[in-house]
Amino acid sequence: MVNVYGGEHPPLTFFLFEDLPMVEFLIYLAVGLTIVYSLAHIGISTVCNAFKYH
């Protein structure tokens, strides 16, 4: 099994994405980061509003 990144790779991400082509990996990574960012942004906004109105 070839490690395209060179050096050590985190076991979890390597296990999840080892069978995917590079393009699909990048797409899933971008979508995942977008979802995480959106959820974090909504969460932070909700917390700020909760503190603002109490």
PDB file of N, CA and C in Angstrom:
ATOM      1  N   MET A   1       0.853  -1.201   0.000  1.00  0.00           N
ATOM      2  CA  MET A   1       0.000   0.000   0.000  1.00  0.00           C
ATOM      3  C   MET A   1       0.887   1.248   0.000  1.00  0.00           C
ATOM      4  N   VAL A   2       0.655   2.122  -0.937  1.00  0.00           N
ATOM      5  CA  VAL A   2       1.508   3.296  -1.091  1.00  0.00           C
ATOM      6  C   VAL A   2       0.877   4.491  -0.388  1.00  0.00           C
ATOM      7  N   ASN A   3       1.688   5.204   0.381  1.00  0.00           N
ATOM      8  CA  ASN A   3       1.218   6.414   1.050  1.00  0.00           C
ATOM      9  C   ASN A   3       1.613   7.611   0.192  1.00  0.00           C
ATOM     10  N   VAL A   4       0.634   8.218  -0.491  1.00  0.00           N
ATOM     11  CA  VAL A   4       0.935   9.288  -1.440  1.00  0.00           C
ATOM     12  C   VAL A   4       1.361  10.570  -0.745  1.00  0.00           C
ATOM     13  N   TYR A   5       1.020  10.700   0.550  1.00  0.00           N
ATOM     14  CA  TYR A   5       1.335  11.949   1.242  1.00  0.00           C
ATOM     15  C   TYR A   5       2.769  11.977   1.741  1.00  0.00           C
ATOM     16  N   GLY A   6       3.400  10.804   1.857  1.00  0.00           N
ATOM     17  CA  GLY A   6       4.743  10.757   2.407  1.00  0.00           C
ATOM     18  C   GLY A   6       4.697  10.877   3.918  1.00  0.00           C
ATOM     19  N   GLY A   7       5.575  10.144   4.606  1.00  0.00           N
ATOM     20  CA  GLY A   7       5.584  10.211   6.059  1.00  0.00           C
ATOM     21  C   GLY A   7       4.395   9.489   6.663  1.00  0.00           C
ATOM     22  N   GLU A   8       4.175   9.722   7.944  1.00  0.00           N
ATOM     23  CA  GLU A   8       3.091   9.038   8.646  1.00  0.00           C
ATOM     24  C   GLU A   8       1.756   9.678   8.315  1.00  0.00           C
ATOM     25  N   HIS A   9       0.725   8.832   8.275  1.00  0.00           N
ATOM     26  CA  HIS A   9      -0.618   9.328   7.982  1.00  0.00           C
ATOM     27  C   HIS A   9      -1.524   8.921   9.130  1.00  0.00           C
ATOM     28  N   PRO A  10      -2.419   9.807   9.572  1.00  0.00           N
ATOM     29  CA  PRO A  10      -3.342   9.450  10.650  1.00  0.00           C
ATOM     30  C   PRO A  10      -4.126   8.189  10.298  1.00  0.00           C
ATOM     31  N   PRO A  11      -4.196   7.220  11.201  1.00  0.00           N
ATOM     32  CA  PRO A  11      -4.818   5.927  10.898  1.00  0.00           C
ATOM     33  C   PRO A  11      -6.286   6.048  10.493  1.00  0.00           C
ATOM     34  N   LEU A  12      -7.038   6.928  11.166  1.00  0.00           N
ATOM     35  CA  LEU A  12      -8.472   7.014  10.916  1.00  0.00           C
ATOM     36  C   LEU A  12      -8.755   7.502   9.501  1.00  0.00           C
ATOM     37  N   THR A  13      -8.164   8.635   9.120  1.00  0.00           N
ATOM     38  CA  THR A  13      -8.411   9.177   7.787  1.00  0.00           C
ATOM     39  C   THR A  13      -7.864   8.231   6.724  1.00  0.00           C
ATOM     40  N   PHE A  14      -6.741   7.591   7.022  1.00  0.00           N
ATOM     41  CA  PHE A  14      -6.167   6.655   6.058  1.00  0.00           C
ATOM     42  C   PHE A  14      -7.108   5.476   5.857  1.00  0.00           C
ATOM     43  N   PHE A  15      -7.693   5.002   6.947  1.00  0.00           N
ATOM     44  CA  PHE A  15      -8.631   3.884   6.862  1.00  0.00           C
ATOM     45  C   PHE A  15      -9.879   4.286   6.087  1.00  0.00           C
ATOM     46  N   LEU A  16     -10.362   5.501   6.300  1.00  0.00           N
ATOM     47  CA  LEU A  16     -11.602   5.933   5.662  1.00  0.00           C
ATOM     48  C   LEU A  16     -11.414   6.186   4.171  1.00  0.00           C
ATOM     49  N   PHE A  17     -10.283   6.748   3.785  1.00  0.00           N
ATOM     50  CA  PHE A  17     -10.145   7.257   2.422  1.00  0.00           C
ATOM     51  C   PHE A  17      -9.148   6.490   1.566  1.00  0.00           C
ATOM     52  N   GLU A  18      -8.615   5.359   2.075  1.00  0.00           N
ATOM     53  CA  GLU A  18      -7.568   4.677   1.317  1.00  0.00           C
ATOM     54  C   GLU A  18      -8.079   4.113  -0.001  1.00  0.00           C
ATOM     55  N   ASP A  19      -9.384   3.816  -0.091  1.00  0.00           N
ATOM     56  CA  ASP A  19      -9.929   3.210  -1.308  1.00  0.00           C
ATOM     57  C   ASP A  19     -10.476   4.242  -2.294  1.00  0.00           C
ATOM     58  N   LEU A  20     -10.463   5.512  -1.915  1.00  0.00           N
ATOM     59  CA  LEU A  20     -11.023   6.540  -2.792  1.00  0.00           C
ATOM     60  C   LEU A  20      -9.946   7.146  -3.678  1.00  0.00           C
ATOM     61  N   PRO A  21     -10.292   7.483  -4.919  1.00  0.00           N
ATOM     62  CA  PRO A  21      -9.383   8.261  -5.769  1.00  0.00           C
ATOM     63  C   PRO A  21      -9.163   9.648  -5.179  1.00  0.00           C
ATOM     64  N   MET A  22      -8.103  10.310  -5.617  1.00  0.00           N
ATOM     65  CA  MET A  22      -7.733  11.601  -5.043  1.00  0.00           C
ATOM     66  C   MET A  22      -8.833  12.637  -5.238  1.00  0.00           C
ATOM     67  N   VAL A  23      -9.467  12.654  -6.412  1.00  0.00           N
ATOM     68  CA  VAL A  23     -10.496  13.653  -6.693  1.00  0.00           C
ATOM     69  C   VAL A  23     -11.673  13.489  -5.739  1.00  0.00           C
ATOM     70  N   GLU A  24     -12.121  12.252  -5.570  1.00  0.00           N
ATOM     71  CA  GLU A  24     -13.235  12.012  -4.655  1.00  0.00           C
ATOM     72  C   GLU A  24     -12.859  12.391  -3.234  1.00  0.00           C
ATOM     73  N   PHE A  25     -11.609  12.098  -2.849  1.00  0.00           N
ATOM     74  CA  PHE A  25     -11.136  12.467  -1.516  1.00  0.00           C
ATOM     75  C   PHE A  25     -11.240  13.972  -1.310  1.00  0.00           C
ATOM     76  N   LEU A  26     -10.802  14.742  -2.310  1.00  0.00           N
ATOM     77  CA  LEU A  26     -10.839  16.203  -2.193  1.00  0.00           C
ATOM     78  C   LEU A  26     -12.276  16.708  -2.130  1.00  0.00           C
ATOM     79  N   ILE A  27     -13.167  16.097  -2.924  1.00  0.00           N
ATOM     80  CA  ILE A  27     -14.575  16.508  -2.914  1.00  0.00           C
ATOM     81  C   ILE A  27     -15.188  16.247  -1.543  1.00  0.00           C
ATOM     82  N   TYR A  28     -14.981  15.026  -1.019  1.00  0.00           N
ATOM     83  CA  TYR A  28     -15.537  14.702   0.296  1.00  0.00           C
ATOM     84  C   TYR A  28     -14.947  15.599   1.376  1.00  0.00           C
ATOM     85  N   LEU A  29     -13.651  15.903   1.256  1.00  0.00           N
ATOM     86  CA  LEU A  29     -13.000  16.761   2.236  1.00  0.00           C
ATOM     87  C   LEU A  29     -13.615  18.156   2.210  1.00  0.00           C
ATOM     88  N   ALA A  30     -13.809  18.709   1.000  1.00  0.00           N
ATOM     89  CA  ALA A  30     -14.386  20.043   0.866  1.00  0.00           C
ATOM     90  C   ALA A  30     -15.811  20.084   1.412  1.00  0.00           C
ATOM     91  N   VAL A  31     -16.610  19.078   1.060  1.00  0.00           N
ATOM     92  CA  VAL A  31     -17.993  19.023   1.540  1.00  0.00           C
ATOM     93  C   VAL A  31     -18.027  18.881   3.056  1.00  0.00           C
ATOM     94  N   GLY A  32     -17.177  18.018   3.583  1.00  0.00           N
ATOM     95  CA  GLY A  32     -17.126  17.815   5.029  1.00  0.00           C
ATOM     96  C   GLY A  32     -16.749  19.085   5.761  1.00  0.00           C
ATOM     97  N   LEU A  33     -15.734  19.784   5.260  1.00  0.00           N
ATOM     98  CA  LEU A  33     -15.308  21.022   5.907  1.00  0.00           C
ATOM     99  C   LEU A  33     -16.396  22.080   5.824  1.00  0.00           C
ATOM    100  N   THR A  34     -17.101  22.143   4.691  1.00  0.00           N
ATOM    101  CA  THR A  34     -18.187  23.111   4.534  1.00  0.00           C
ATOM    102  C   THR A  34     -19.295  22.849   5.547  1.00  0.00           C
ATOM    103  N   ILE A  35     -19.668  21.573   5.706  1.00  0.00           N
ATOM    104  CA  ILE A  35     -20.720  21.217   6.660  1.00  0.00           C
ATOM    105  C   ILE A  35     -20.285  21.556   8.082  1.00  0.00           C
ATOM    106  N   VAL A  36     -19.059  21.193   8.430  1.00  0.00           N
ATOM    107  CA  VAL A  36     -18.558  21.468   9.780  1.00  0.00           C
ATOM    108  C   VAL A  36     -18.535  22.973  10.036  1.00  0.00           C
ATOM    109  N   TYR A  37     -18.054  23.743   9.043  1.00  0.00           N
ATOM    110  CA  TYR A  37     -17.989  25.190   9.208  1.00  0.00           C
ATOM    111  C   TYR A  37     -19.384  25.779   9.382  1.00  0.00           C
ATOM    112  N   SER A  38     -20.341  25.305   8.580  1.00  0.00           N
ATOM    113  CA  SER A  38     -21.712  25.806   8.668  1.00  0.00           C
ATOM    114  C   SER A  38     -22.317  25.503  10.031  1.00  0.00           C
ATOM    115  N   LEU A  39     -22.147  24.263  10.506  1.00  0.00           N
ATOM    116  CA  LEU A  39     -22.693  23.889  11.811  1.00  0.00           C
ATOM    117  C   LEU A  39     -22.043  24.702  12.922  1.00  0.00           C
ATOM    118  N   ALA A  40     -20.737  24.895  12.838  1.00  0.00           N
ATOM    119  CA  ALA A  40     -20.038  25.676  13.859  1.00  0.00           C
ATOM    120  C   ALA A  40     -20.529  27.121  13.843  1.00  0.00           C
ATOM    121  N   HIS A  41     -20.707  27.676  12.648  1.00  0.00           N
ATOM    122  CA  HIS A  41     -21.159  29.055  12.520  1.00  0.00           C
ATOM    123  C   HIS A  41     -22.562  29.220  13.114  1.00  0.00           C
ATOM    124  N   ILE A  42     -23.457  28.277  12.807  1.00  0.00           N
ATOM    125  CA  ILE A  42     -24.815  28.318  13.349  1.00  0.00           C
ATOM    126  C   ILE A  42     -24.772  28.190  14.870  1.00  0.00           C
ATOM    127  N   GLY A  43     -23.951  27.276  15.365  1.00  0.00           N
ATOM    128  CA  GLY A  43     -23.842  27.075  16.808  1.00  0.00           C
ATOM    129  C   GLY A  43     -23.337  28.317  17.514  1.00  0.00           C
ATOM    130  N   ILE A  44     -22.306  28.942  16.958  1.00  0.00           N
ATOM    131  CA  ILE A  44     -21.742  30.150  17.565  1.00  0.00           C
ATOM    132  C   ILE A  44     -22.763  31.281  17.537  1.00  0.00           C
ATOM    133  N   SER A  45     -23.468  31.435  16.423  1.00  0.00           N
ATOM    134  CA  SER A  45     -24.488  32.480  16.316  1.00  0.00           C
ATOM    135  C   SER A  45     -25.591  32.261  17.345  1.00  0.00           C
ATOM    136  N   THR A  46     -26.015  31.016  17.513  1.00  0.00           N
ATOM    137  CA  THR A  46     -27.071  30.690  18.472  1.00  0.00           C
ATOM    138  C   THR A  46     -26.630  31.028  19.889  1.00  0.00           C
ATOM    139  N   VAL A  47     -25.406  30.662  20.230  1.00  0.00           N
ATOM    140  CA  VAL A  47     -24.885  30.943  21.573  1.00  0.00           C
ATOM    141  C   VAL A  47     -24.789  32.449  21.802  1.00  0.00           C
ATOM    142  N   CYS A  48     -24.292  33.176  20.809  1.00  0.00           N
ATOM    143  CA  CYS A  48     -24.165  34.628  20.951  1.00  0.00           C
ATOM    144  C   CYS A  48     -25.535  35.273  21.132  1.00  0.00           C
ATOM    145  N   ASN A  49     -26.516  34.850  20.352  1.00  0.00           N
ATOM    146  CA  ASN A  49     -27.860  35.404  20.472  1.00  0.00           C
ATOM    147  C   ASN A  49     -28.466  35.071  21.824  1.00  0.00           C
ATOM    148  N   ALA A  50     -28.221  33.867  22.314  1.00  0.00           N
ATOM    149  CA  ALA A  50     -28.754  33.461  23.614  1.00  0.00           C
ATOM    150  C   ALA A  50     -28.189  34.356  24.714  1.00  0.00           C
ATOM    151  N   PHE A  51     -26.903  34.654  24.653  1.00  0.00           N
ATOM    152  CA  PHE A  51     -26.307  35.522  25.668  1.00  0.00           C
ATOM    153  C   PHE A  51     -26.785  36.963  25.515  1.00  0.00           C
ATOM    154  N   LYS A  52     -27.018  37.363  24.271  1.00  0.00           N
ATOM    155  CA  LYS A  52     -27.413  38.741  24.005  1.00  0.00           C
ATOM    156  C   LYS A  52     -28.793  39.046  24.592  1.00  0.00           C
ATOM    157  N   TYR A  53     -29.718  38.084  24.496  1.00  0.00           N
ATOM    158  CA  TYR A  53     -31.103  38.354  24.861  1.00  0.00           C
ATOM    159  C   TYR A  53     -31.436  37.964  26.296  1.00  0.00           C
ATOM    160  N   HIS A  54     -30.446  37.491  27.066  1.00  0.00           N
ATOM    161  CA  HIS A  54     -30.737  37.113  28.452  1.00  0.00           C
ATOM    162  C   HIS A  54     -30.067  38.058  29.422  1.00  0.00           C
TER     163      HIS A  54
END
